Amino acid sequence: MERFILVLVVLVFFLLAVWGMRLGWRRRARSQSVLVPPFPPVPDEPGEPDLTATGLYVSTTTADDWQNRIVTRGTGLRGRAVLRSYSGGVEVDRAGAPGFWIPRDAITEVRRGSAIAGKVMGTDSLLIIRWRLGEVELDTGFRGDDHGDYPQWIEGLSSEIKGGAQ
């Protein structure tokens, strides 16, 4: 009987911890929905992509705070994704989650990085796109299947940033 009670106590503790995490996630999403405007939808006819990369959408965070994950409007979960660069912007096409659009004129920096919320790597194996959404500056992290494509992405997206390549 003592073992049953101990197992029951551990199970209740685990369920309370999961409930608390869910409550915190929802509260964070609600507070961020006031601060972060809705992400732009992908245009109906964006044209032909200049570059395409498959990989893992890691997360979107506030700029210069790689651990402050944006969780509002479904952007908090990482998963398989396809990144496509068009003349008007970048499409983040996430499997099983809503995709979003990063307008080309909103991009302020493109670089390689080693850390963003949800992924810390020993090498610069993340492609990080810094962009403005309303008054908020964000970093969107992507881990491509082929890291050899990163220089093309950095050069292609940085070419139109004010002041040239970053």
C-alpha atoms as a PDB file:
ATOM      1  CA  MET A   1       0.000   0.000   0.000  1.00  0.00           C
ATOM      2  CA  GLU A   2       2.880   2.411   0.765  1.00  0.00           C
ATOM      3  CA  ARG A   3       4.303   1.881  -2.715  1.00  0.00           C
ATOM      4  CA  PHE A   4       0.932   2.682  -4.301  1.00  0.00           C
ATOM      5  CA  ILE A   5       0.691   5.952  -2.355  1.00  0.00           C
ATOM      6  CA  LEU A   6       4.258   6.886  -3.276  1.00  0.00           C
ATOM      7  CA  VAL A   7       3.584   6.212  -6.969  1.00  0.00           C
ATOM      8  CA  LEU A   8       0.375   8.241  -6.738  1.00  0.00           C
ATOM      9  CA  VAL A   9       2.223  11.183  -5.120  1.00  0.00           C
ATOM     10  CA  VAL A  10       4.909  11.132  -7.829  1.00  0.00           C
ATOM     11  CA  LEU A  11       2.259  10.963 -10.570  1.00  0.00           C
ATOM     12  CA  VAL A  12       0.310  13.873  -9.073  1.00  0.00           C
ATOM     13  CA  PHE A  13       3.529  15.900  -8.775  1.00  0.00           C
ATOM     14  CA  PHE A  14       4.385  15.169 -12.423  1.00  0.00           C
ATOM     15  CA  LEU A  15       0.902  16.152 -13.612  1.00  0.00           C
ATOM     16  CA  LEU A  16       1.057  19.397 -11.614  1.00  0.00           C
ATOM     17  CA  ALA A  17       4.434  20.219 -13.154  1.00  0.00           C
ATOM     18  CA  VAL A  18       3.094  19.626 -16.683  1.00  0.00           C
ATOM     19  CA  TRP A  19      -0.008  21.700 -15.922  1.00  0.00           C
ATOM     20  CA  GLY A  20       2.193  24.530 -14.585  1.00  0.00           C
ATOM     21  CA  MET A  21       4.380  24.490 -17.703  1.00  0.00           C
ATOM     22  CA  ARG A  22       1.320  24.619 -19.946  1.00  0.00           C
ATOM     23  CA  LEU A  23      -0.134  27.477 -17.926  1.00  0.00           C
ATOM     24  CA  GLY A  24       3.162  29.395 -18.165  1.00  0.00           C
ATOM     25  CA  TRP A  25       3.384  28.796 -21.935  1.00  0.00           C
ATOM     26  CA  ARG A  26      -0.159  30.097 -22.451  1.00  0.00           C
ATOM     27  CA  ARG A  27       0.459  33.135 -20.240  1.00  0.00           C
ATOM     28  CA  ARG A  28       3.642  33.923 -22.157  1.00  0.00           C
ATOM     29  CA  ALA A  29       1.819  33.610 -25.498  1.00  0.00           C
ATOM     30  CA  ARG A  30      -0.955  35.894 -24.282  1.00  0.00           C
ATOM     31  CA  SER A  31       1.459  38.588 -23.075  1.00  0.00           C
ATOM     32  CA  GLN A  32       3.522  38.383 -26.283  1.00  0.00           C
ATOM     33  CA  SER A  33       0.445  38.692 -28.493  1.00  0.00           C
ATOM     34  CA  VAL A  34       0.104  42.271 -27.234  1.00  0.00           C
ATOM     35  CA  LEU A  35       3.765  43.146 -27.876  1.00  0.00           C
ATOM     36  CA  VAL A  36       4.396  41.248 -31.127  1.00  0.00           C
ATOM     37  CA  PRO A  37       2.160  41.997 -34.134  1.00  0.00           C
ATOM     38  CA  PRO A  38       0.798  39.088 -36.203  1.00  0.00           C
ATOM     39  CA  PHE A  39       3.395  37.509 -38.464  1.00  0.00           C
ATOM     40  CA  PRO A  40       2.886  38.355 -42.155  1.00  0.00           C
ATOM     41  CA  PRO A  41       1.206  35.585 -44.168  1.00  0.00           C
ATOM     42  CA  VAL A  42       2.880  34.197 -47.261  1.00  0.00           C
ATOM     43  CA  PRO A  43       1.671  36.050 -50.399  1.00  0.00           C
ATOM     44  CA  ASP A  44      -0.601  34.096 -52.722  1.00  0.00           C
ATOM     45  CA  GLU A  45       1.807  34.405 -55.670  1.00  0.00           C
ATOM     46  CA  PRO A  46       5.337  35.115 -54.395  1.00  0.00           C
ATOM     47  CA  GLY A  47       6.961  34.108 -57.711  1.00  0.00           C
ATOM     48  CA  GLU A  48       9.805  31.676 -58.264  1.00  0.00           C
ATOM     49  CA  PRO A  49      12.173  31.053 -55.349  1.00  0.00           C
ATOM     50  CA  ASP A  50      15.797  32.157 -55.727  1.00  0.00           C
ATOM     51  CA  LEU A  51      17.022  29.802 -52.987  1.00  0.00           C
ATOM     52  CA  THR A  52      15.467  26.837 -51.207  1.00  0.00           C
ATOM     53  CA  ALA A  53      16.724  25.006 -48.142  1.00  0.00           C
ATOM     54  CA  THR A  54      15.273  22.159 -46.105  1.00  0.00           C
ATOM     55  CA  GLY A  55      15.991  21.719 -42.449  1.00  0.00           C
ATOM     56  CA  LEU A  56      14.721  22.536 -38.995  1.00  0.00           C
ATOM     57  CA  TYR A  57      12.933  25.721 -37.965  1.00  0.00           C
ATOM     58  CA  VAL A  58      14.382  26.207 -34.496  1.00  0.00           C
ATOM     59  CA  SER A  59      12.667  29.295 -33.088  1.00  0.00           C
ATOM     60  CA  THR A  60      12.068  32.994 -33.286  1.00  0.00           C
ATOM     61  CA  THR A  61      13.372  35.159 -30.463  1.00  0.00           C
ATOM     62  CA  THR A  62      13.663  38.830 -29.690  1.00  0.00           C
ATOM     63  CA  ALA A  63      16.859  40.271 -31.161  1.00  0.00           C
ATOM     64  CA  ASP A  64      19.934  40.158 -28.936  1.00  0.00           C
ATOM     65  CA  ASP A  65      18.167  37.880 -26.436  1.00  0.00           C
ATOM     66  CA  TRP A  66      18.685  34.403 -27.833  1.00  0.00           C
ATOM     67  CA  GLN A  67      16.743  32.752 -24.996  1.00  0.00           C
ATOM     68  CA  ASN A  68      13.582  34.893 -25.172  1.00  0.00           C
ATOM     69  CA  ARG A  69      11.531  32.623 -27.421  1.00  0.00           C
ATOM     70  CA  ILE A  70       8.464  34.069 -29.145  1.00  0.00           C
ATOM     71  CA  VAL A  71       5.643  31.581 -28.525  1.00  0.00           C
ATOM     72  CA  THR A  72       2.612  33.558 -29.658  1.00  0.00           C
ATOM     73  CA  ARG A  73       0.607  32.536 -32.727  1.00  0.00           C
ATOM     74  CA  GLY A  74       2.184  29.079 -32.964  1.00  0.00           C
ATOM     75  CA  THR A  75       5.774  30.172 -33.569  1.00  0.00           C
ATOM     76  CA  GLY A  76       7.193  28.636 -30.397  1.00  0.00           C
ATOM     77  CA  LEU A  77       7.447  25.042 -31.570  1.00  0.00           C
ATOM     78  CA  ARG A  78      10.364  23.849 -33.627  1.00  0.00           C
ATOM     79  CA  GLY A  79       9.980  21.382 -36.458  1.00  0.00           C
ATOM     80  CA  ARG A  80      10.862  20.452 -40.015  1.00  0.00           C
ATOM     81  CA  ALA A  81      10.655  23.358 -42.418  1.00  0.00           C
ATOM     82  CA  VAL A  82      11.521  24.608 -45.873  1.00  0.00           C
ATOM     83  CA  LEU A  83      13.061  28.055 -46.238  1.00  0.00           C
ATOM     84  CA  ARG A  84      12.469  29.773 -49.584  1.00  0.00           C
ATOM     85  CA  SER A  85      13.927  33.086 -50.683  1.00  0.00           C
ATOM     86  CA  TYR A  86      11.922  35.200 -53.130  1.00  0.00           C
ATOM     87  CA  SER A  87      12.516  38.681 -54.489  1.00  0.00           C
ATOM     88  CA  GLY A  88       9.936  40.028 -52.023  1.00  0.00           C
ATOM     89  CA  GLY A  89      10.940  38.085 -48.934  1.00  0.00           C
ATOM     90  CA  VAL A  90      11.586  34.758 -47.251  1.00  0.00           C
ATOM     91  CA  GLU A  91       8.960  32.085 -46.691  1.00  0.00           C
ATOM     92  CA  VAL A  92       9.279  29.897 -43.610  1.00  0.00           C
ATOM     93  CA  ASP A  93       7.147  26.870 -44.538  1.00  0.00           C
ATOM     94  CA  ARG A  94       6.810  24.770 -41.391  1.00  0.00           C
ATOM     95  CA  ALA A  95       5.507  21.206 -41.462  1.00  0.00           C
ATOM     96  CA  GLY A  96       2.423  20.833 -39.272  1.00  0.00           C
ATOM     97  CA  ALA A  97       2.433  24.482 -38.189  1.00  0.00           C
ATOM     98  CA  PRO A  98       1.483  27.793 -39.771  1.00  0.00           C
ATOM     99  CA  GLY A  99       4.193  29.234 -41.969  1.00  0.00           C
ATOM    100  CA  PHE A 100       5.039  32.901 -42.134  1.00  0.00           C
ATOM    101  CA  TRP A 101       6.646  35.496 -44.362  1.00  0.00           C
ATOM    102  CA  ILE A 102       9.669  37.676 -43.664  1.00  0.00           C
ATOM    103  CA  PRO A 103       9.477  40.698 -46.006  1.00  0.00           C
ATOM    104  CA  ARG A 104      12.801  41.406 -47.715  1.00  0.00           C
ATOM    105  CA  ASP A 105      12.761  45.070 -46.675  1.00  0.00           C
ATOM    106  CA  ALA A 106      12.279  44.048 -43.018  1.00  0.00           C
ATOM    107  CA  ILE A 107      15.533  42.027 -42.920  1.00  0.00           C
ATOM    108  CA  THR A 108      18.295  43.888 -41.096  1.00  0.00           C
ATOM    109  CA  GLU A 109      20.962  41.187 -40.772  1.00  0.00           C
ATOM    110  CA  VAL A 110      21.699  37.611 -41.839  1.00  0.00           C
ATOM    111  CA  ARG A 111      24.406  35.616 -40.107  1.00  0.00           C
ATOM    112  CA  ARG A 112      25.545  32.244 -38.894  1.00  0.00           C
ATOM    113  CA  GLY A 113      25.149  31.512 -35.213  1.00  0.00           C
ATOM    114  CA  SER A 114      25.604  28.788 -32.674  1.00  0.00           C
ATOM    115  CA  ALA A 115      22.701  29.433 -30.280  1.00  0.00           C
ATOM    116  CA  ILE A 116      19.041  30.364 -30.315  1.00  0.00           C
ATOM    117  CA  ALA A 117      16.244  29.258 -27.981  1.00  0.00           C
ATOM    118  CA  GLY A 118      15.797  25.532 -28.432  1.00  0.00           C
ATOM    119  CA  LYS A 119      19.201  24.794 -29.970  1.00  0.00           C
ATOM    120  CA  VAL A 120      22.789  25.337 -28.871  1.00  0.00           C
ATOM    121  CA  MET A 121      25.519  24.046 -31.152  1.00  0.00           C
ATOM    122  CA  GLY A 122      29.292  24.024 -30.918  1.00  0.00           C
ATOM    123  CA  THR A 123      29.722  25.437 -34.412  1.00  0.00           C
ATOM    124  CA  ASP A 124      28.005  28.109 -36.478  1.00  0.00           C
ATOM    125  CA  SER A 125      25.431  25.696 -37.856  1.00  0.00           C
ATOM    126  CA  LEU A 126      22.397  27.974 -37.541  1.00  0.00           C
ATOM    127  CA  LEU A 127      21.248  30.499 -40.120  1.00  0.00           C
ATOM    128  CA  ILE A 128      19.830  33.454 -38.201  1.00  0.00           C
ATOM    129  CA  ILE A 129      17.738  36.106 -39.927  1.00  0.00           C
ATOM    130  CA  ARG A 130      17.229  39.329 -37.990  1.00  0.00           C
ATOM    131  CA  TRP A 131      14.170  41.298 -39.071  1.00  0.00           C
ATOM    132  CA  ARG A 132      11.739  43.955 -37.932  1.00  0.00           C
ATOM    133  CA  LEU A 133       8.080  43.276 -37.273  1.00  0.00           C
ATOM    134  CA  GLY A 134       6.403  46.530 -36.378  1.00  0.00           C
ATOM    135  CA  GLU A 135       8.396  47.996 -33.486  1.00  0.00           C
ATOM    136  CA  VAL A 136       9.932  44.645 -32.519  1.00  0.00           C
ATOM    137  CA  GLU A 137      13.198  43.264 -33.857  1.00  0.00           C
ATOM    138  CA  LEU A 138      13.295  39.459 -34.090  1.00  0.00           C
ATOM    139  CA  ASP A 139      15.798  36.695 -34.820  1.00  0.00           C
ATOM    140  CA  THR A 140      14.522  33.641 -36.671  1.00  0.00           C
ATOM    141  CA  GLY A 141      16.772  30.588 -36.466  1.00  0.00           C
ATOM    142  CA  PHE A 142      16.970  27.806 -39.038  1.00  0.00           C
ATOM    143  CA  ARG A 143      19.248  24.774 -39.059  1.00  0.00           C
ATOM    144  CA  GLY A 144      19.646  23.666 -42.659  1.00  0.00           C
ATOM    145  CA  ASP A 145      20.316  20.114 -43.758  1.00  0.00           C
ATOM    146  CA  ASP A 146      23.191  21.431 -45.916  1.00  0.00           C
ATOM    147  CA  HIS A 147      25.323  24.035 -44.123  1.00  0.00           C
ATOM    148  CA  GLY A 148      27.214  24.650 -47.359  1.00  0.00           C
ATOM    149  CA  ASP A 149      24.245  26.706 -48.592  1.00  0.00           C
ATOM    150  CA  TYR A 150      24.607  29.321 -45.843  1.00  0.00           C
ATOM    151  CA  PRO A 151      27.057  31.596 -47.709  1.00  0.00           C
ATOM    152  CA  GLN A 152      24.571  31.840 -50.618  1.00  0.00           C
ATOM    153  CA  TRP A 153      21.763  32.716 -48.204  1.00  0.00           C
ATOM    154  CA  ILE A 154      23.854  35.292 -46.363  1.00  0.00           C
ATOM    155  CA  GLU A 155      25.070  36.900 -49.569  1.00  0.00           C
ATOM    156  CA  GLY A 156      21.646  36.801 -51.261  1.00  0.00           C
ATOM    157  CA  LEU A 157      19.720  38.279 -48.337  1.00  0.00           C
ATOM    158  CA  SER A 158      22.415  40.734 -47.215  1.00  0.00           C
ATOM    159  CA  SER A 159      22.826  42.279 -50.674  1.00  0.00           C
ATOM    160  CA  GLU A 160      19.717  44.450 -50.295  1.00  0.00           C
ATOM    161  CA  ILE A 161      20.253  45.454 -46.674  1.00  0.00           C
ATOM    162  CA  LYS A 162      21.085  49.118 -46.285  1.00  0.00           C
ATOM    163  CA  GLY A 163      24.833  49.455 -46.319  1.00  0.00           C
ATOM    164  CA  GLY A 164      25.518  46.179 -48.142  1.00  0.00           C
ATOM    165  CA  ALA A 165      26.482  42.821 -46.703  1.00  0.00           C
ATOM    166  CA  GLN A 166      26.430  42.302 -42.953  1.00  0.00           C
END
